[in-house]
Amino acid sequence: MKKLLKHISPLAPDDSGACSVLYELGGITVICDAGGCAGNVCGFDEPRWFEKRSALFSAGLRDMDAILGRDELLVKKLAKITEQIGAEFTAIVGTPVPAVIATDMKALERMSEKKTGLPCMAFRTDGTRLYDYGEELVYTRLFDQFAVGELPVKKGRLGVIGATPLNTGETCSRRIADKLLAEGWDEVVCFGMDSGLDDIRNAGECERLLVIAPSGLRAARLMQERFGTPFDVRYPLAEVPEDISGVKVLVIHQQTAANSIREILETRGCEVVCASWFGMYDSLKREGDVRIKGEDDLQALAAEGGFDVILADEFFRRAVPDFAGRWYDLPHFAVSGRLCRGTADR
């Protein structure tokens, strides 16, 4: 069966990606579900629960609520939460339940704003797409709605888009910021990680933006159109084991990370193909790069590509047990739920 996962775990879905971007921004996020999807987000796809608090709730829909689409009950619950928790906005994240019963998410936005007096954003995630789709929806909406005032540019200030644990395996911005400060920047802001909504409101102050995952590219283009803010696309945490040189390598990760690893490997005389299970922009692809849609694609790529080395999360190795070359673990939290602790030969 096409796209059936027989060897690897399910990948993080779009609702998890949406919640990841919203996690630290000071809003109230409601996952529109009966509890199961919220359990996946909190239990598997959000490692910051161990370090940082967030107002993230399940709508707790009962069977008849879901069948009859009782939107007013959800809005009533949301309004009650806002009376107890101070928040700058509310957000409603879709799951398979509202998708199947065709919930009017725009209507939920309007009803919630009228009831709470706070801005509300409702996202048409449905749990069937992958995490990067949900992240892209949220990043684009946040910058479009809140980064509206033209501000004086602060020289030396860099804004980073795409810093989520799902993309980076990091739960704080320290490592990213340290790398970029060492490059000569005076101030680094990772939007949505160790920063709040005010940083997005003031995004126009940034001298430059850095997109470290494809999910941030549309938001960066929006900022360039609105304020003329230039941006680069690269992954500052890219690292490669020292003993890889002069060989053919397959790199599997999110597209920006894979591209930055390729650049390092090419300086060592390697021939490199980048692949990803997640979204790949044509503008960031080279001829030969591959979007993996299922285990069959991965197996064919590993068997027929003539690779000496694969750099990828070790969980993918289950699907290609016959690969005879060297495999280096490249953790990707959205794949295996493991935080980055550097690469190691497996």
C-alpha atoms as a PDB file:
ATOM      1  CA  MET A   1       0.000   0.000   0.000  1.00  0.00           C
ATOM      2  CA  LYS A   2       1.382   3.397  -1.030  1.00  0.00           C
ATOM      3  CA  LYS A   3       2.693   5.550   1.853  1.00  0.00           C
ATOM      4  CA  LEU A   4       2.048   2.820   4.439  1.00  0.00           C
ATOM      5  CA  LEU A   5       4.635   3.111   7.226  1.00  0.00           C
ATOM      6  CA  LYS A   6       5.762  -0.396   8.132  1.00  0.00           C
ATOM      7  CA  HIS A   7       9.141   0.349   9.705  1.00  0.00           C
ATOM      8  CA  ILE A   8       9.213   3.910  11.001  1.00  0.00           C
ATOM      9  CA  SER A   9       6.990   5.834  13.395  1.00  0.00           C
ATOM     10  CA  PRO A  10       4.425   8.381  12.140  1.00  0.00           C
ATOM     11  CA  LEU A  11       5.963  11.801  11.528  1.00  0.00           C
ATOM     12  CA  ALA A  12       4.865  14.918  13.427  1.00  0.00           C
ATOM     13  CA  PRO A  13       1.596  16.251  11.916  1.00  0.00           C
ATOM     14  CA  ASP A  14       0.547  19.772  10.953  1.00  0.00           C
ATOM     15  CA  ASP A  15      -1.354  20.498  14.182  1.00  0.00           C
ATOM     16  CA  SER A  16       1.834  19.794  16.162  1.00  0.00           C
ATOM     17  CA  GLY A  17       3.733  22.204  13.929  1.00  0.00           C
ATOM     18  CA  ALA A  18       1.156  24.940  14.501  1.00  0.00           C
ATOM     19  CA  CYS A  19       1.265  24.473  18.274  1.00  0.00           C
ATOM     20  CA  SER A  20       5.065  24.510  18.252  1.00  0.00           C
ATOM     21  CA  VAL A  21       5.244  27.986  16.706  1.00  0.00           C
ATOM     22  CA  LEU A  22       2.576  29.346  19.086  1.00  0.00           C
ATOM     23  CA  TYR A  23       4.010  27.749  22.229  1.00  0.00           C
ATOM     24  CA  GLU A  24       5.968  30.695  23.688  1.00  0.00           C
ATOM     25  CA  LEU A  25       4.088  33.679  22.252  1.00  0.00           C
ATOM     26  CA  GLY A  26       1.826  34.402  25.219  1.00  0.00           C
ATOM     27  CA  GLY A  27      -1.484  33.345  23.719  1.00  0.00           C
ATOM     28  CA  ILE A  28      -4.089  30.730  24.606  1.00  0.00           C
ATOM     29  CA  THR A  29      -4.029  27.831  22.145  1.00  0.00           C
ATOM     30  CA  VAL A  30      -6.983  25.446  21.908  1.00  0.00           C
ATOM     31  CA  ILE A  31      -6.598  22.198  19.996  1.00  0.00           C
ATOM     32  CA  CYS A  32     -10.018  21.470  18.534  1.00  0.00           C
ATOM     33  CA  ASP A  33     -10.242  17.785  19.415  1.00  0.00           C
ATOM     34  CA  ALA A  34     -11.589  15.296  21.941  1.00  0.00           C
ATOM     35  CA  GLY A  35      -8.227  14.940  23.662  1.00  0.00           C
ATOM     36  CA  GLY A  36      -6.245  12.526  21.522  1.00  0.00           C
ATOM     37  CA  CYS A  37      -4.468  15.043  19.282  1.00  0.00           C
ATOM     38  CA  ALA A  38      -3.639  17.246  22.266  1.00  0.00           C
ATOM     39  CA  GLY A  39      -2.138  14.172  23.912  1.00  0.00           C
ATOM     40  CA  ASN A  40       0.105  13.619  20.889  1.00  0.00           C
ATOM     41  CA  VAL A  41       1.259  17.250  20.909  1.00  0.00           C
ATOM     42  CA  CYS A  42       1.947  17.318  24.637  1.00  0.00           C
ATOM     43  CA  GLY A  43       3.288  13.796  24.975  1.00  0.00           C
ATOM     44  CA  PHE A  44       5.421  13.416  21.859  1.00  0.00           C
ATOM     45  CA  ASP A  45       5.905  16.579  19.793  1.00  0.00           C
ATOM     46  CA  GLU A  46       6.630  19.328  22.349  1.00  0.00           C
ATOM     47  CA  PRO A  47       9.739  18.835  24.506  1.00  0.00           C
ATOM     48  CA  ARG A  48       9.537  22.318  26.045  1.00  0.00           C
ATOM     49  CA  TRP A  49       6.905  21.032  28.501  1.00  0.00           C
ATOM     50  CA  PHE A  50       9.835  20.040  30.750  1.00  0.00           C
ATOM     51  CA  GLU A  51      11.218  23.599  30.816  1.00  0.00           C
ATOM     52  CA  LYS A  52       8.577  26.203  29.929  1.00  0.00           C
ATOM     53  CA  ARG A  53       4.879  26.673  30.532  1.00  0.00           C
ATOM     54  CA  SER A  54       2.291  27.405  27.869  1.00  0.00           C
ATOM     55  CA  ALA A  55      -1.477  27.909  27.859  1.00  0.00           C
ATOM     56  CA  LEU A  56      -2.314  24.965  25.618  1.00  0.00           C
ATOM     57  CA  PHE A  57      -5.693  23.249  25.964  1.00  0.00           C
ATOM     58  CA  SER A  58      -7.812  20.556  24.384  1.00  0.00           C
ATOM     59  CA  ALA A  59     -11.347  21.533  23.420  1.00  0.00           C
ATOM     60  CA  GLY A  60     -12.473  18.237  24.986  1.00  0.00           C
ATOM     61  CA  LEU A  61     -15.167  17.630  22.379  1.00  0.00           C
ATOM     62  CA  ARG A  62     -17.628  14.854  23.203  1.00  0.00           C
ATOM     63  CA  ASP A  63     -19.005  12.618  20.462  1.00  0.00           C
ATOM     64  CA  MET A  64     -22.215  14.631  20.072  1.00  0.00           C
ATOM     65  CA  ASP A  65     -20.314  17.930  20.181  1.00  0.00           C
ATOM     66  CA  ALA A  66     -18.253  16.764  17.247  1.00  0.00           C
ATOM     67  CA  ILE A  67     -21.194  15.300  15.326  1.00  0.00           C
ATOM     68  CA  LEU A  68     -23.421  18.345  15.776  1.00  0.00           C
ATOM     69  CA  GLY A  69     -20.658  20.944  15.517  1.00  0.00           C
ATOM     70  CA  ARG A  70     -21.525  22.808  18.711  1.00  0.00           C
ATOM     71  CA  ASP A  71     -19.159  25.701  18.127  1.00  0.00           C
ATOM     72  CA  GLU A  72     -20.770  27.898  20.753  1.00  0.00           C
ATOM     73  CA  LEU A  73     -19.643  25.461  23.474  1.00  0.00           C
ATOM     74  CA  LEU A  74     -16.036  25.749  22.380  1.00  0.00           C
ATOM     75  CA  VAL A  75     -16.256  29.549  22.330  1.00  0.00           C
ATOM     76  CA  LYS A  76     -17.854  29.552  25.774  1.00  0.00           C
ATOM     77  CA  LYS A  77     -15.017  27.414  27.171  1.00  0.00           C
ATOM     78  CA  LEU A  78     -12.437  29.660  25.534  1.00  0.00           C
ATOM     79  CA  ALA A  79     -14.007  32.776  27.005  1.00  0.00           C
ATOM     80  CA  LYS A  80     -13.950  31.201  30.474  1.00  0.00           C
ATOM     81  CA  ILE A  81     -10.231  30.451  30.101  1.00  0.00           C
ATOM     82  CA  THR A  82      -9.469  34.069  29.162  1.00  0.00           C
ATOM     83  CA  GLU A  83     -11.074  35.188  32.415  1.00  0.00           C
ATOM     84  CA  GLN A  84      -8.520  33.126  34.346  1.00  0.00           C
ATOM     85  CA  ILE A  85      -5.381  33.480  32.215  1.00  0.00           C
ATOM     86  CA  GLY A  86      -4.026  36.729  30.836  1.00  0.00           C
ATOM     87  CA  ALA A  87      -3.300  36.377  27.110  1.00  0.00           C
ATOM     88  CA  GLU A  88      -2.509  38.577  24.126  1.00  0.00           C
ATOM     89  CA  PHE A  89      -4.444  36.457  21.640  1.00  0.00           C
ATOM     90  CA  THR A  90      -6.249  33.158  21.240  1.00  0.00           C
ATOM     91  CA  ALA A  91      -5.653  30.473  18.646  1.00  0.00           C
ATOM     92  CA  ILE A  92      -7.717  27.482  17.550  1.00  0.00           C
ATOM     93  CA  VAL A  93      -5.831  24.634  15.890  1.00  0.00           C
ATOM     94  CA  GLY A  94      -7.722  22.188  13.714  1.00  0.00           C
ATOM     95  CA  THR A  95      -7.509  18.370  13.846  1.00  0.00           C
ATOM     96  CA  PRO A  96      -9.248  15.554  11.922  1.00  0.00           C
ATOM     97  CA  VAL A  97     -12.484  16.138  13.904  1.00  0.00           C
ATOM     98  CA  PRO A  98     -13.297  19.670  12.645  1.00  0.00           C
ATOM     99  CA  ALA A  99     -11.965  18.723   9.200  1.00  0.00           C
ATOM    100  CA  VAL A 100     -14.368  15.778   8.872  1.00  0.00           C
ATOM    101  CA  ILE A 101     -17.431  17.747  10.004  1.00  0.00           C
ATOM    102  CA  ALA A 102     -16.396  20.844   7.975  1.00  0.00           C
ATOM    103  CA  THR A 103     -16.168  23.244  10.906  1.00  0.00           C
ATOM    104  CA  ASP A 104     -16.219  26.878   9.769  1.00  0.00           C
ATOM    105  CA  MET A 105     -12.914  28.046  11.266  1.00  0.00           C
ATOM    106  CA  LYS A 106     -13.427  31.651  10.140  1.00  0.00           C
ATOM    107  CA  ALA A 107     -16.742  31.719  11.978  1.00  0.00           C
ATOM    108  CA  LEU A 108     -14.988  30.383  15.095  1.00  0.00           C
ATOM    109  CA  GLU A 109     -12.509  33.256  14.816  1.00  0.00           C
ATOM    110  CA  ARG A 110     -15.246  35.875  14.635  1.00  0.00           C
ATOM    111  CA  MET A 111     -17.286  34.300  17.439  1.00  0.00           C
ATOM    112  CA  SER A 112     -14.235  34.031  19.690  1.00  0.00           C
ATOM    113  CA  GLU A 113     -13.106  37.598  19.085  1.00  0.00           C
ATOM    114  CA  LYS A 114     -16.584  38.906  19.831  1.00  0.00           C
ATOM    115  CA  LYS A 115     -16.837  36.861  23.021  1.00  0.00           C
ATOM    116  CA  THR A 116     -13.316  37.426  24.410  1.00  0.00           C
ATOM    117  CA  GLY A 117     -12.313  40.800  22.981  1.00  0.00           C
ATOM    118  CA  LEU A 118      -8.949  39.283  21.964  1.00  0.00           C
ATOM    119  CA  PRO A 119      -7.552  38.638  18.479  1.00  0.00           C
ATOM    120  CA  CYS A 120      -8.234  35.051  17.441  1.00  0.00           C
ATOM    121  CA  MET A 121      -6.498  32.984  14.794  1.00  0.00           C
ATOM    122  CA  ALA A 122      -8.005  29.701  13.617  1.00  0.00           C
ATOM    123  CA  PHE A 123      -5.853  27.370  11.551  1.00  0.00           C
ATOM    124  CA  ARG A 124      -7.158  24.767   9.095  1.00  0.00           C
ATOM    125  CA  THR A 125      -4.759  22.039  10.082  1.00  0.00           C
ATOM    126  CA  ASP A 126      -6.268  18.565   9.904  1.00  0.00           C
ATOM    127  CA  GLY A 127      -3.682  16.122  11.239  1.00  0.00           C
ATOM    128  CA  THR A 128      -3.138  14.506   7.826  1.00  0.00           C
ATOM    129  CA  ARG A 129      -0.384  16.840   6.634  1.00  0.00           C
ATOM    130  CA  LEU A 130       3.092  17.096   8.136  1.00  0.00           C
ATOM    131  CA  TYR A 131       4.376  19.509  10.754  1.00  0.00           C
ATOM    132  CA  ASP A 132       6.024  21.975   8.390  1.00  0.00           C
ATOM    133  CA  TYR A 133       2.661  22.779   6.786  1.00  0.00           C
ATOM    134  CA  GLY A 134       1.221  23.811  10.151  1.00  0.00           C
ATOM    135  CA  GLU A 135       4.315  25.832  11.011  1.00  0.00           C
ATOM    136  CA  GLU A 136       4.154  27.696   7.717  1.00  0.00           C
ATOM    137  CA  LEU A 137       0.468  28.559   8.228  1.00  0.00           C
ATOM    138  CA  VAL A 138       1.171  30.032  11.663  1.00  0.00           C
ATOM    139  CA  TYR A 139       4.377  31.909  10.830  1.00  0.00           C
ATOM    140  CA  THR A 140       2.736  33.532   7.817  1.00  0.00           C
ATOM    141  CA  ARG A 141      -0.400  34.524   9.714  1.00  0.00           C
ATOM    142  CA  LEU A 142       1.534  35.893  12.698  1.00  0.00           C
ATOM    143  CA  PHE A 143       3.790  38.145  10.630  1.00  0.00           C
ATOM    144  CA  ASP A 144       0.936  39.213   8.378  1.00  0.00           C
ATOM    145  CA  GLN A 145      -1.350  40.131  11.288  1.00  0.00           C
ATOM    146  CA  PHE A 146       1.053  41.547  13.862  1.00  0.00           C
ATOM    147  CA  ALA A 147       4.171  42.839  12.041  1.00  0.00           C
ATOM    148  CA  VAL A 148       2.344  45.777  10.499  1.00  0.00           C
ATOM    149  CA  GLY A 149       4.036  48.941  11.790  1.00  0.00           C
ATOM    150  CA  GLU A 150       7.013  50.378   9.913  1.00  0.00           C
ATOM    151  CA  LEU A 151       9.832  50.851  12.429  1.00  0.00           C
ATOM    152  CA  PRO A 152      13.379  52.232  12.316  1.00  0.00           C
ATOM    153  CA  VAL A 153      15.834  49.476  11.443  1.00  0.00           C
ATOM    154  CA  LYS A 154      18.261  48.540  14.227  1.00  0.00           C
ATOM    155  CA  LYS A 155      21.672  47.859  12.754  1.00  0.00           C
ATOM    156  CA  GLY A 156      23.095  44.561  13.967  1.00  0.00           C
ATOM    157  CA  ARG A 157      19.710  43.008  14.829  1.00  0.00           C
ATOM    158  CA  LEU A 158      19.009  39.640  13.201  1.00  0.00           C
ATOM    159  CA  GLY A 159      15.638  37.880  13.259  1.00  0.00           C
ATOM    160  CA  VAL A 160      15.493  34.084  12.937  1.00  0.00           C
ATOM    161  CA  ILE A 161      12.411  32.338  11.536  1.00  0.00           C
ATOM    162  CA  GLY A 162      11.978  28.573  11.856  1.00  0.00           C
ATOM    163  CA  ALA A 163      13.443  27.970  15.313  1.00  0.00           C
ATOM    164  CA  THR A 164      11.199  25.244  16.723  1.00  0.00           C
ATOM    165  CA  PRO A 165      12.195  21.962  18.391  1.00  0.00           C
ATOM    166  CA  LEU A 166      10.608  20.093  15.476  1.00  0.00           C
ATOM    167  CA  ASN A 167      13.049  21.754  13.057  1.00  0.00           C
ATOM    168  CA  THR A 168      16.152  22.015  15.192  1.00  0.00           C
ATOM    169  CA  GLY A 169      15.934  19.570  18.100  1.00  0.00           C
ATOM    170  CA  GLU A 170      16.635  22.530  20.396  1.00  0.00           C
ATOM    171  CA  THR A 171      14.381  23.678  23.254  1.00  0.00           C
ATOM    172  CA  CYS A 172      15.967  27.110  23.623  1.00  0.00           C
ATOM    173  CA  SER A 173      17.643  29.631  21.355  1.00  0.00           C
ATOM    174  CA  ARG A 174      21.033  29.664  23.080  1.00  0.00           C
ATOM    175  CA  ARG A 175      23.003  27.528  20.615  1.00  0.00           C
ATOM    176  CA  ILE A 176      21.506  29.245  17.583  1.00  0.00           C
ATOM    177  CA  ALA A 177      22.092  32.716  19.027  1.00  0.00           C
ATOM    178  CA  ASP A 178      25.658  31.910  20.087  1.00  0.00           C
ATOM    179  CA  LYS A 179      26.551  30.769  16.565  1.00  0.00           C
ATOM    180  CA  LEU A 180      25.117  33.922  15.006  1.00  0.00           C
ATOM    181  CA  LEU A 181      26.551  36.318  17.587  1.00  0.00           C
ATOM    182  CA  ALA A 182      29.947  34.790  16.841  1.00  0.00           C
ATOM    183  CA  GLU A 183      29.427  35.805  13.203  1.00  0.00           C
ATOM    184  CA  GLY A 184      29.263  39.451  14.271  1.00  0.00           C
ATOM    185  CA  TRP A 185      25.591  40.172  14.918  1.00  0.00           C
ATOM    186  CA  ASP A 186      24.863  42.396  17.924  1.00  0.00           C
ATOM    187  CA  GLU A 187      21.430  40.937  18.731  1.00  0.00           C
ATOM    188  CA  VAL A 188      19.663  37.748  17.664  1.00  0.00           C
ATOM    189  CA  VAL A 189      15.910  37.161  18.056  1.00  0.00           C
ATOM    190  CA  CYS A 190      14.523  33.684  17.397  1.00  0.00           C
ATOM    191  CA  PHE A 191      10.845  34.335  16.775  1.00  0.00           C
ATOM    192  CA  GLY A 192       8.750  32.005  18.923  1.00  0.00           C
ATOM    193  CA  MET A 193      11.681  30.634  20.941  1.00  0.00           C
ATOM    194  CA  ASP A 194      12.762  32.596  24.015  1.00  0.00           C
ATOM    195  CA  SER A 195      10.770  35.501  22.586  1.00  0.00           C
ATOM    196  CA  GLY A 196       7.183  36.741  22.623  1.00  0.00           C
ATOM    197  CA  LEU A 197       4.597  38.397  20.442  1.00  0.00           C
ATOM    198  CA  ASP A 198       6.205  41.828  20.829  1.00  0.00           C
ATOM    199  CA  ASP A 199       9.250  40.582  18.951  1.00  0.00           C
ATOM    200  CA  ILE A 200       7.025  39.716  16.003  1.00  0.00           C
ATOM    201  CA  ARG A 201       5.301  43.111  16.248  1.00  0.00           C
ATOM    202  CA  ASN A 202       8.762  44.701  16.125  1.00  0.00           C
ATOM    203  CA  ALA A 203      10.133  42.437  13.395  1.00  0.00           C
ATOM    204  CA  GLY A 204      10.493  45.446  11.101  1.00  0.00           C
ATOM    205  CA  GLU A 205      13.389  46.590  13.284  1.00  0.00           C
ATOM    206  CA  CYS A 206      15.553  43.701  12.078  1.00  0.00           C
ATOM    207  CA  GLU A 207      18.387  44.585   9.740  1.00  0.00           C
ATOM    208  CA  ARG A 208      18.120  41.112   8.245  1.00  0.00           C
ATOM    209  CA  LEU A 209      16.175  37.870   8.629  1.00  0.00           C
ATOM    210  CA  LEU A 210      17.535  34.332   8.624  1.00  0.00           C
ATOM    211  CA  VAL A 211      15.264  31.474   7.551  1.00  0.00           C
ATOM    212  CA  ILE A 212      16.491  28.225   9.099  1.00  0.00           C
ATOM    213  CA  ALA A 213      13.630  25.980   7.926  1.00  0.00           C
ATOM    214  CA  PRO A 214      11.384  26.011   4.833  1.00  0.00           C
ATOM    215  CA  SER A 215       8.322  26.722   7.012  1.00  0.00           C
ATOM    216  CA  GLY A 216       9.615  30.269   7.571  1.00  0.00           C
ATOM    217  CA  LEU A 217      10.205  31.175   3.934  1.00  0.00           C
ATOM    218  CA  ARG A 218       6.760  32.605   3.134  1.00  0.00           C
ATOM    219  CA  ALA A 219       6.847  34.806   6.235  1.00  0.00           C
ATOM    220  CA  ALA A 220      10.305  36.113   5.275  1.00  0.00           C
ATOM    221  CA  ARG A 221       9.107  36.925   1.760  1.00  0.00           C
ATOM    222  CA  LEU A 222       6.149  38.767   3.249  1.00  0.00           C
ATOM    223  CA  MET A 223       8.499  40.860   5.406  1.00  0.00           C
ATOM    224  CA  GLN A 224      10.668  41.600   2.399  1.00  0.00           C
ATOM    225  CA  GLU A 225       7.649  42.793   0.428  1.00  0.00           C
ATOM    226  CA  ARG A 226       6.224  44.826   3.313  1.00  0.00           C
ATOM    227  CA  PHE A 227       9.362  46.439   4.749  1.00  0.00           C
ATOM    228  CA  GLY A 228      12.127  45.583   2.298  1.00  0.00           C
ATOM    229  CA  THR A 229      13.843  43.405   4.919  1.00  0.00           C
ATOM    230  CA  PRO A 230      16.440  41.191   3.208  1.00  0.00           C
ATOM    231  CA  PHE A 231      16.750  37.544   4.232  1.00  0.00           C
ATOM    232  CA  ASP A 232      19.088  34.581   3.912  1.00  0.00           C
ATOM    233  CA  VAL A 233      18.211  30.887   3.945  1.00  0.00           C
ATOM    234  CA  ARG A 234      20.659  28.632   5.793  1.00  0.00           C
ATOM    235  CA  TYR A 235      20.967  26.460   8.882  1.00  0.00           C
ATOM    236  CA  PRO A 236      23.543  27.781  11.387  1.00  0.00           C
ATOM    237  CA  LEU A 237      23.716  24.540  13.387  1.00  0.00           C
ATOM    238  CA  ALA A 238      24.906  22.407  10.464  1.00  0.00           C
ATOM    239  CA  GLU A 239      27.668  19.999  11.534  1.00  0.00           C
ATOM    240  CA  VAL A 240      29.318  17.101   9.737  1.00  0.00           C
ATOM    241  CA  PRO A 241      31.565  14.326  11.138  1.00  0.00           C
ATOM    242  CA  GLU A 242      35.204  14.958  10.269  1.00  0.00           C
ATOM    243  CA  ASP A 243      35.777  11.597   8.581  1.00  0.00           C
ATOM    244  CA  ILE A 244      33.356  12.149   5.691  1.00  0.00           C
ATOM    245  CA  SER A 245      35.159  13.290   2.544  1.00  0.00           C
ATOM    246  CA  GLY A 246      35.406  12.409  -1.124  1.00  0.00           C
ATOM    247  CA  VAL A 247      32.354  10.120  -1.152  1.00  0.00           C
ATOM    248  CA  LYS A 248      28.762  10.153  -2.400  1.00  0.00           C
ATOM    249  CA  VAL A 249      26.388  11.191   0.399  1.00  0.00           C
ATOM    250  CA  LEU A 250      22.629  11.216   0.901  1.00  0.00           C
ATOM    251  CA  VAL A 251      21.430  13.792   3.449  1.00  0.00           C
ATOM    252  CA  ILE A 252      17.873  13.489   4.829  1.00  0.00           C
ATOM    253  CA  HIS A 253      16.445  16.237   7.045  1.00  0.00           C
ATOM    254  CA  GLN A 254      14.342  19.371   6.650  1.00  0.00           C
ATOM    255  CA  GLN A 255      15.404  21.089   3.432  1.00  0.00           C
ATOM    256  CA  THR A 256      17.331  24.051   4.852  1.00  0.00           C
ATOM    257  CA  ALA A 257      19.378  21.908   7.232  1.00  0.00           C
ATOM    258  CA  ALA A 258      20.127  19.388   4.480  1.00  0.00           C
ATOM    259  CA  ASN A 259      21.256  22.134   2.078  1.00  0.00           C
ATOM    260  CA  SER A 260      23.625  23.661   4.641  1.00  0.00           C
ATOM    261  CA  ILE A 261      25.131  20.242   5.408  1.00  0.00           C
ATOM    262  CA  ARG A 262      25.607  19.720   1.665  1.00  0.00           C
ATOM    263  CA  GLU A 263      27.598  22.954   1.406  1.00  0.00           C
ATOM    264  CA  ILE A 264      30.004  21.726   4.077  1.00  0.00           C
ATOM    265  CA  LEU A 265      30.372  18.304   2.455  1.00  0.00           C
ATOM    266  CA  GLU A 266      31.041  19.784  -0.976  1.00  0.00           C
ATOM    267  CA  THR A 267      34.060  21.636   0.410  1.00  0.00           C
ATOM    268  CA  ARG A 268      35.421  18.161   1.220  1.00  0.00           C
ATOM    269  CA  GLY A 269      34.963  16.855  -2.304  1.00  0.00           C
ATOM    270  CA  CYS A 270      31.713  14.960  -1.685  1.00  0.00           C
ATOM    271  CA  GLU A 271      28.900  14.439  -4.179  1.00  0.00           C
ATOM    272  CA  VAL A 272      25.705  15.144  -2.263  1.00  0.00           C
ATOM    273  CA  VAL A 273      21.986  14.540  -2.784  1.00  0.00           C
ATOM    274  CA  CYS A 274      19.495  16.143  -0.381  1.00  0.00           C
ATOM    275  CA  ALA A 275      16.155  14.541   0.407  1.00  0.00           C
ATOM    276  CA  SER A 276      13.293  15.231   2.801  1.00  0.00           C
ATOM    277  CA  TRP A 277       9.999  13.772   3.905  1.00  0.00           C
ATOM    278  CA  PHE A 278       8.812  17.337   4.406  1.00  0.00           C
ATOM    279  CA  GLY A 279       8.107  20.291   2.121  1.00  0.00           C
ATOM    280  CA  MET A 280      10.803  21.257  -0.396  1.00  0.00           C
ATOM    281  CA  TYR A 281      10.741  24.587  -2.206  1.00  0.00           C
ATOM    282  CA  ASP A 282      11.820  24.448  -5.858  1.00  0.00           C
ATOM    283  CA  SER A 283      13.852  27.620  -5.303  1.00  0.00           C
ATOM    284  CA  LEU A 284      15.973  25.760  -2.731  1.00  0.00           C
ATOM    285  CA  LYS A 285      16.304  22.486  -4.666  1.00  0.00           C
ATOM    286  CA  ARG A 286      19.027  21.280  -6.967  1.00  0.00           C
ATOM    287  CA  GLU A 287      18.635  18.791  -9.766  1.00  0.00           C
ATOM    288  CA  GLY A 288      18.558  15.343  -8.223  1.00  0.00           C
ATOM    289  CA  ASP A 289      17.140  16.383  -4.852  1.00  0.00           C
ATOM    290  CA  VAL A 290      14.262  14.145  -3.760  1.00  0.00           C
ATOM    291  CA  ARG A 291      10.996  14.606  -1.886  1.00  0.00           C
ATOM    292  CA  ILE A 292      10.383  11.296  -0.106  1.00  0.00           C
ATOM    293  CA  LYS A 293       6.705  10.362   0.021  1.00  0.00           C
ATOM    294  CA  GLY A 294       6.893   6.899   1.548  1.00  0.00           C
ATOM    295  CA  GLU A 295       9.142   4.073   2.669  1.00  0.00           C
ATOM    296  CA  ASP A 296       9.213   2.669  -0.873  1.00  0.00           C
ATOM    297  CA  ASP A 297      10.775   5.929  -2.098  1.00  0.00           C
ATOM    298  CA  LEU A 298      13.414   5.796   0.640  1.00  0.00           C
ATOM    299  CA  GLN A 299      14.239   2.153  -0.073  1.00  0.00           C
ATOM    300  CA  ALA A 300      14.606   2.799  -3.795  1.00  0.00           C
ATOM    301  CA  LEU A 301      16.760   5.864  -3.203  1.00  0.00           C
ATOM    302  CA  ALA A 302      19.115   4.019  -0.837  1.00  0.00           C
ATOM    303  CA  ALA A 303      19.320   0.961  -3.104  1.00  0.00           C
ATOM    304  CA  GLU A 304      19.771   2.693  -6.453  1.00  0.00           C
ATOM    305  CA  GLY A 305      21.554   5.947  -5.576  1.00  0.00           C
ATOM    306  CA  GLY A 306      25.039   4.488  -5.208  1.00  0.00           C
ATOM    307  CA  PHE A 307      25.613   6.237  -1.870  1.00  0.00           C
ATOM    308  CA  ASP A 308      28.643   5.507   0.273  1.00  0.00           C
ATOM    309  CA  VAL A 309      27.225   7.434   3.252  1.00  0.00           C
ATOM    310  CA  ILE A 310      23.766   8.344   4.504  1.00  0.00           C
ATOM    311  CA  LEU A 311      23.316  11.192   6.986  1.00  0.00           C
ATOM    312  CA  ALA A 312      19.825  10.851   8.469  1.00  0.00           C
ATOM    313  CA  ASP A 313      17.906  10.152  11.651  1.00  0.00           C
ATOM    314  CA  GLU A 314      18.713   6.592  12.709  1.00  0.00           C
ATOM    315  CA  PHE A 315      14.992   5.780  12.850  1.00  0.00           C
ATOM    316  CA  PHE A 316      14.970   5.782   9.031  1.00  0.00           C
ATOM    317  CA  ARG A 317      17.551   3.019   9.073  1.00  0.00           C
ATOM    318  CA  ARG A 318      14.833   0.558  10.013  1.00  0.00           C
ATOM    319  CA  ALA A 319      13.345   1.001   6.538  1.00  0.00           C
ATOM    320  CA  VAL A 320      16.633   0.288   4.707  1.00  0.00           C
ATOM    321  CA  PRO A 321      18.279  -2.571   6.637  1.00  0.00           C
ATOM    322  CA  ASP A 322      20.176  -3.721   3.534  1.00  0.00           C
ATOM    323  CA  PHE A 323      22.099  -0.467   3.056  1.00  0.00           C
ATOM    324  CA  ALA A 324      25.772  -1.501   3.155  1.00  0.00           C
ATOM    325  CA  GLY A 325      27.417   1.895   3.449  1.00  0.00           C
ATOM    326  CA  ARG A 326      28.136   4.037   6.491  1.00  0.00           C
ATOM    327  CA  TRP A 327      25.198   5.576   8.344  1.00  0.00           C
ATOM    328  CA  TYR A 328      25.647   8.684  10.491  1.00  0.00           C
ATOM    329  CA  ASP A 329      22.851   9.634  12.848  1.00  0.00           C
ATOM    330  CA  LEU A 330      21.383  13.083  12.123  1.00  0.00           C
ATOM    331  CA  PRO A 331      18.544  13.470  14.664  1.00  0.00           C
ATOM    332  CA  HIS A 332      15.341  15.155  13.527  1.00  0.00           C
ATOM    333  CA  PHE A 333      12.881  15.648  16.368  1.00  0.00           C
ATOM    334  CA  ALA A 334       9.842  15.587  14.064  1.00  0.00           C
ATOM    335  CA  VAL A 335      10.884  12.089  13.012  1.00  0.00           C
ATOM    336  CA  SER A 336      12.061  10.342  16.170  1.00  0.00           C
ATOM    337  CA  GLY A 337      11.317  12.677  19.083  1.00  0.00           C
ATOM    338  CA  ARG A 338      15.022  12.876  19.980  1.00  0.00           C
ATOM    339  CA  LEU A 339      16.712  16.158  20.827  1.00  0.00           C
ATOM    340  CA  CYS A 340      19.969  17.040  19.078  1.00  0.00           C
ATOM    341  CA  ARG A 341      23.142  16.139  20.922  1.00  0.00           C
ATOM    342  CA  GLY A 342      25.526  16.220  17.963  1.00  0.00           C
ATOM    343  CA  THR A 343      26.119  13.573  15.300  1.00  0.00           C
ATOM    344  CA  ALA A 344      27.626  10.182  16.001  1.00  0.00           C
ATOM    345  CA  ASP A 345      28.616   7.263  13.804  1.00  0.00           C
ATOM    346  CA  ARG A 346      26.176   4.416  14.139  1.00  0.00           C
END
